[in-house]
Amino acid sequence: MDDATVTDSIGGANGTPVNNAGFGNIIFTNGAAVYPGQGNAGQCSYISLPANLITGYNSLTLEFWATILPNGNWNEIGAFGEQDGNGGGLDYLIVVPHSGLGDYRMTIKTGGNERVTSGATTIDIRTPVHITAVYDADQNQMRLYANGVLVSTTSTTIDLANINNVVSWIGRGLYDGDPI
């Protein structure tokens, strides 16, 4: 990982830092990306991964090691899907460490249908945390873990294949006005 490329050493789905100089640049140090945490989702610096990264999968596991600072509601650390023409989320799979409802969550939304699995509190606690979000089509479940502990399970029949994975972002949300 460096200022120009975020290397996927396993699957070859390398990412690119997208820096908005007016709101600070991502700094890469000791294998970690440190985000400036300024602006909103439409203005922030983030990492762009290839489009269609989750396309073709029936099930999916997303893992993040993160230290999240308290910075407002609806900051998404992972967003896979598409935006509508007004800077809002259309169809997506997102991971949110602090929702407007005071929890953290994984959400899938397609065709106007939305399912959420969430932990009881937010995880913007300034302490490193391992977040794992699982979409398991075989079990028709979404599962959310924090530091290896299962915190939530929700049944779902929403098909992952219905997400039009136009963008794959780390550190940027699909809703332009949300904080980062």
Protein backbone atom coordinates (compact mmCIF):
# COMPACT_ATOMS: atom_id res chain seq x y z
CA MET A 1 0.00 0.00 0.00
CA ASP A 2 1.32 3.41 -0.92
CA ASP A 3 0.09 6.80 -2.02
CA ALA A 4 -0.72 5.54 -5.51
CA THR A 5 -1.97 1.95 -5.18
CA VAL A 6 -3.76 -0.18 -2.61
CA THR A 7 -2.55 -3.68 -3.48
CA ASP A 8 -4.77 -6.74 -3.17
CA SER A 9 -2.16 -9.43 -2.60
CA ILE A 10 -4.68 -12.29 -2.94
CA GLY A 11 -7.26 -11.49 -5.61
CA GLY A 12 -5.62 -8.76 -7.65
CA ALA A 13 -8.49 -6.28 -7.12
CA ASN A 14 -6.18 -3.35 -6.48
CA GLY A 15 -7.61 -0.06 -5.29
CA THR A 16 -6.78 3.56 -5.93
CA PRO A 17 -6.73 6.34 -3.36
CA VAL A 18 -8.99 9.21 -4.38
CA ASN A 19 -7.74 12.25 -2.50
CA ASN A 20 -9.64 15.49 -2.24
CA ALA A 21 -6.90 17.93 -1.28
CA GLY A 22 -9.40 20.40 0.13
CA PHE A 23 -10.42 17.87 2.78
CA GLY A 24 -7.11 16.14 3.48
CA ASN A 25 -5.32 13.18 1.92
CA ILE A 26 -5.23 9.56 3.03
CA ILE A 27 -1.90 8.77 4.67
CA PHE A 28 -0.47 5.28 4.35
CA THR A 29 1.64 4.11 7.27
CA ASN A 30 2.60 0.66 8.57
CA GLY A 31 0.16 -1.10 6.24
CA ALA A 32 -2.79 1.05 7.29
CA ALA A 33 -4.76 3.78 5.56
CA VAL A 34 -5.35 6.78 7.82
CA TYR A 35 -8.28 8.86 6.62
CA PRO A 36 -8.44 12.60 7.33
CA GLY A 37 -12.09 12.40 8.43
CA GLN A 38 -13.09 15.75 6.96
CA GLY A 39 -16.06 16.80 4.87
CA ASN A 40 -18.97 14.60 3.88
CA ALA A 41 -19.16 11.54 1.66
CA GLY A 42 -19.36 13.64 -1.50
CA GLN A 43 -16.20 15.58 -0.59
CA CYS A 44 -13.98 13.12 1.27
CA SER A 45 -10.84 11.20 0.41
CA TYR A 46 -11.43 7.44 0.05
CA ILE A 47 -10.17 4.26 -1.60
CA SER A 48 -11.88 3.17 -4.80
CA LEU A 49 -11.83 -0.57 -5.50
CA PRO A 50 -12.84 -2.07 -8.86
CA ALA A 51 -16.46 -1.97 -9.97
CA ASN A 52 -18.26 -5.33 -9.93
CA LEU A 53 -16.10 -6.51 -7.05
CA ILE A 54 -19.03 -8.34 -5.43
CA THR A 55 -20.79 -9.21 -8.71
CA GLY A 56 -21.21 -12.92 -9.35
CA TYR A 57 -21.05 -14.01 -5.71
CA ASN A 58 -23.93 -15.64 -3.86
CA SER A 59 -22.36 -15.11 -0.44
CA LEU A 60 -19.86 -12.59 0.84
CA THR A 61 -17.72 -11.78 3.87
CA LEU A 62 -16.36 -8.27 4.43
CA GLU A 63 -13.67 -7.73 7.06
CA PHE A 64 -12.31 -4.47 8.39
CA TRP A 65 -9.70 -3.67 11.01
CA ALA A 66 -10.49 -0.12 12.00
CA THR A 67 -10.07 2.50 14.66
CA ILE A 68 -13.11 4.69 14.23
CA LEU A 69 -13.33 8.12 15.77
CA PRO A 70 -16.68 9.61 16.76
CA ASN A 71 -17.62 11.62 13.69
CA GLY A 72 -21.34 11.57 13.24
CA ASN A 73 -24.12 9.39 11.98
CA TRP A 74 -24.18 7.23 8.87
CA ASN A 75 -20.47 7.21 8.10
CA GLU A 76 -19.98 4.13 5.90
CA ILE A 77 -16.65 2.31 6.01
CA GLY A 78 -17.52 0.02 3.12
CA ALA A 79 -20.01 0.68 0.32
CA PHE A 80 -20.68 -1.56 -2.66
CA GLY A 81 -23.44 -0.69 -5.12
CA GLU A 82 -24.67 2.32 -7.03
CA GLN A 83 -25.85 5.86 -6.47
CA ASP A 84 -28.98 7.40 -7.85
CA GLY A 85 -28.73 10.59 -9.94
CA ASN A 86 -29.00 12.79 -6.82
CA GLY A 87 -26.04 11.48 -4.77
CA GLY A 88 -28.06 8.94 -2.80
CA GLY A 89 -27.75 5.18 -2.46
CA LEU A 90 -29.83 3.10 -4.85
CA ASP A 91 -28.94 -0.61 -4.51
CA TYR A 92 -26.15 -1.52 -2.12
CA LEU A 93 -24.41 -3.47 0.57
CA ILE A 94 -22.92 -1.16 3.21
CA VAL A 95 -21.18 -1.40 6.58
CA VAL A 96 -21.84 1.51 8.95
CA PRO A 97 -20.00 1.90 12.30
CA HIS A 98 -22.41 4.56 13.62
CA SER A 99 -25.94 4.77 12.28
CA GLY A 100 -28.42 7.51 13.05
CA LEU A 101 -30.17 5.02 15.32
CA GLY A 102 -27.17 4.62 17.64
CA ASP A 103 -25.97 1.21 16.45
CA TYR A 104 -23.55 -0.23 13.90
CA ARG A 105 -24.84 -2.24 11.02
CA MET A 106 -24.65 -4.05 7.75
CA THR A 107 -27.42 -3.17 5.29
CA ILE A 108 -28.43 -4.65 1.97
CA LYS A 109 -30.93 -2.84 -0.23
CA THR A 110 -32.22 -3.72 -3.69
CA GLY A 111 -35.37 -2.77 -5.53
CA GLY A 112 -36.66 -0.76 -2.57
CA ASN A 113 -36.35 -3.73 -0.18
CA GLU A 114 -33.93 -3.30 2.70
CA ARG A 115 -32.65 -5.62 5.43
CA VAL A 116 -30.42 -4.63 8.33
CA THR A 117 -28.46 -6.54 10.93
CA SER A 118 -27.04 -4.40 13.69
CA GLY A 119 -25.01 -4.34 16.88
CA ALA A 120 -26.47 -2.76 20.01
CA THR A 121 -24.14 0.25 20.18
CA THR A 122 -21.90 2.24 17.87
CA ILE A 123 -18.27 1.25 17.43
CA ASP A 124 -16.74 4.68 16.97
CA ILE A 125 -14.87 4.27 20.24
CA ARG A 126 -11.27 5.19 19.33
CA THR A 127 -10.17 1.59 19.92
CA PRO A 128 -9.07 -0.87 17.20
CA VAL A 129 -11.91 -3.22 16.30
CA HIS A 130 -12.22 -6.14 13.89
CA ILE A 131 -15.55 -5.91 12.07
CA THR A 132 -16.85 -8.83 10.03
CA ALA A 133 -20.05 -8.59 8.00
CA VAL A 134 -21.34 -11.82 6.43
CA TYR A 135 -24.00 -12.22 3.77
CA ASP A 136 -24.76 -15.97 3.70
CA ALA A 137 -27.14 -16.91 0.87
CA ASP A 138 -27.12 -20.62 1.77
CA GLN A 139 -28.54 -19.81 5.21
CA ASN A 140 -30.56 -16.74 4.07
CA GLN A 141 -28.77 -14.75 6.79
CA MET A 142 -26.78 -11.62 7.42
CA ARG A 143 -24.39 -11.81 10.38
CA LEU A 144 -22.35 -9.12 12.06
CA TYR A 145 -19.33 -9.73 14.29
CA ALA A 146 -17.15 -7.46 16.40
CA ASN A 147 -13.76 -8.78 17.51
CA GLY A 148 -14.82 -12.33 16.62
CA VAL A 149 -18.04 -12.23 18.65
CA LEU A 150 -21.37 -12.65 16.86
CA VAL A 151 -23.47 -9.60 17.74
CA SER A 152 -26.40 -9.89 15.33
CA THR A 153 -28.11 -12.25 12.92
CA THR A 154 -30.96 -11.30 10.59
CA SER A 155 -32.76 -13.43 8.04
CA THR A 156 -32.95 -12.13 4.50
CA THR A 157 -34.12 -13.28 1.10
CA ILE A 158 -32.69 -10.28 -0.75
CA ASP A 159 -30.45 -11.60 -3.49
CA LEU A 160 -26.89 -10.24 -3.55
CA ALA A 161 -26.98 -10.62 -7.34
CA ASN A 162 -29.53 -7.78 -7.53
CA ILE A 163 -26.94 -5.21 -6.48
CA ASN A 164 -25.62 -3.27 -9.44
CA ASN A 165 -22.02 -2.95 -8.17
CA VAL A 166 -21.01 0.20 -10.04
CA VAL A 167 -18.79 1.43 -7.19
CA SER A 168 -16.78 -0.30 -4.46
CA TRP A 169 -15.57 2.21 -1.88
CA ILE A 170 -13.67 2.03 1.39
CA GLY A 171 -14.05 5.10 3.59
CA ARG A 172 -16.79 6.76 1.53
CA GLY A 173 -20.54 6.40 1.64
CA LEU A 174 -23.08 6.23 -1.16
CA TYR A 175 -25.07 9.15 0.28
CA ASP A 176 -23.10 12.30 -0.61
CA GLY A 177 -24.37 14.36 2.33
CA ASP A 178 -23.48 11.83 5.06
CA PRO A 179 -20.46 12.47 7.27
CA ILE A 180 -17.33 10.42 6.92
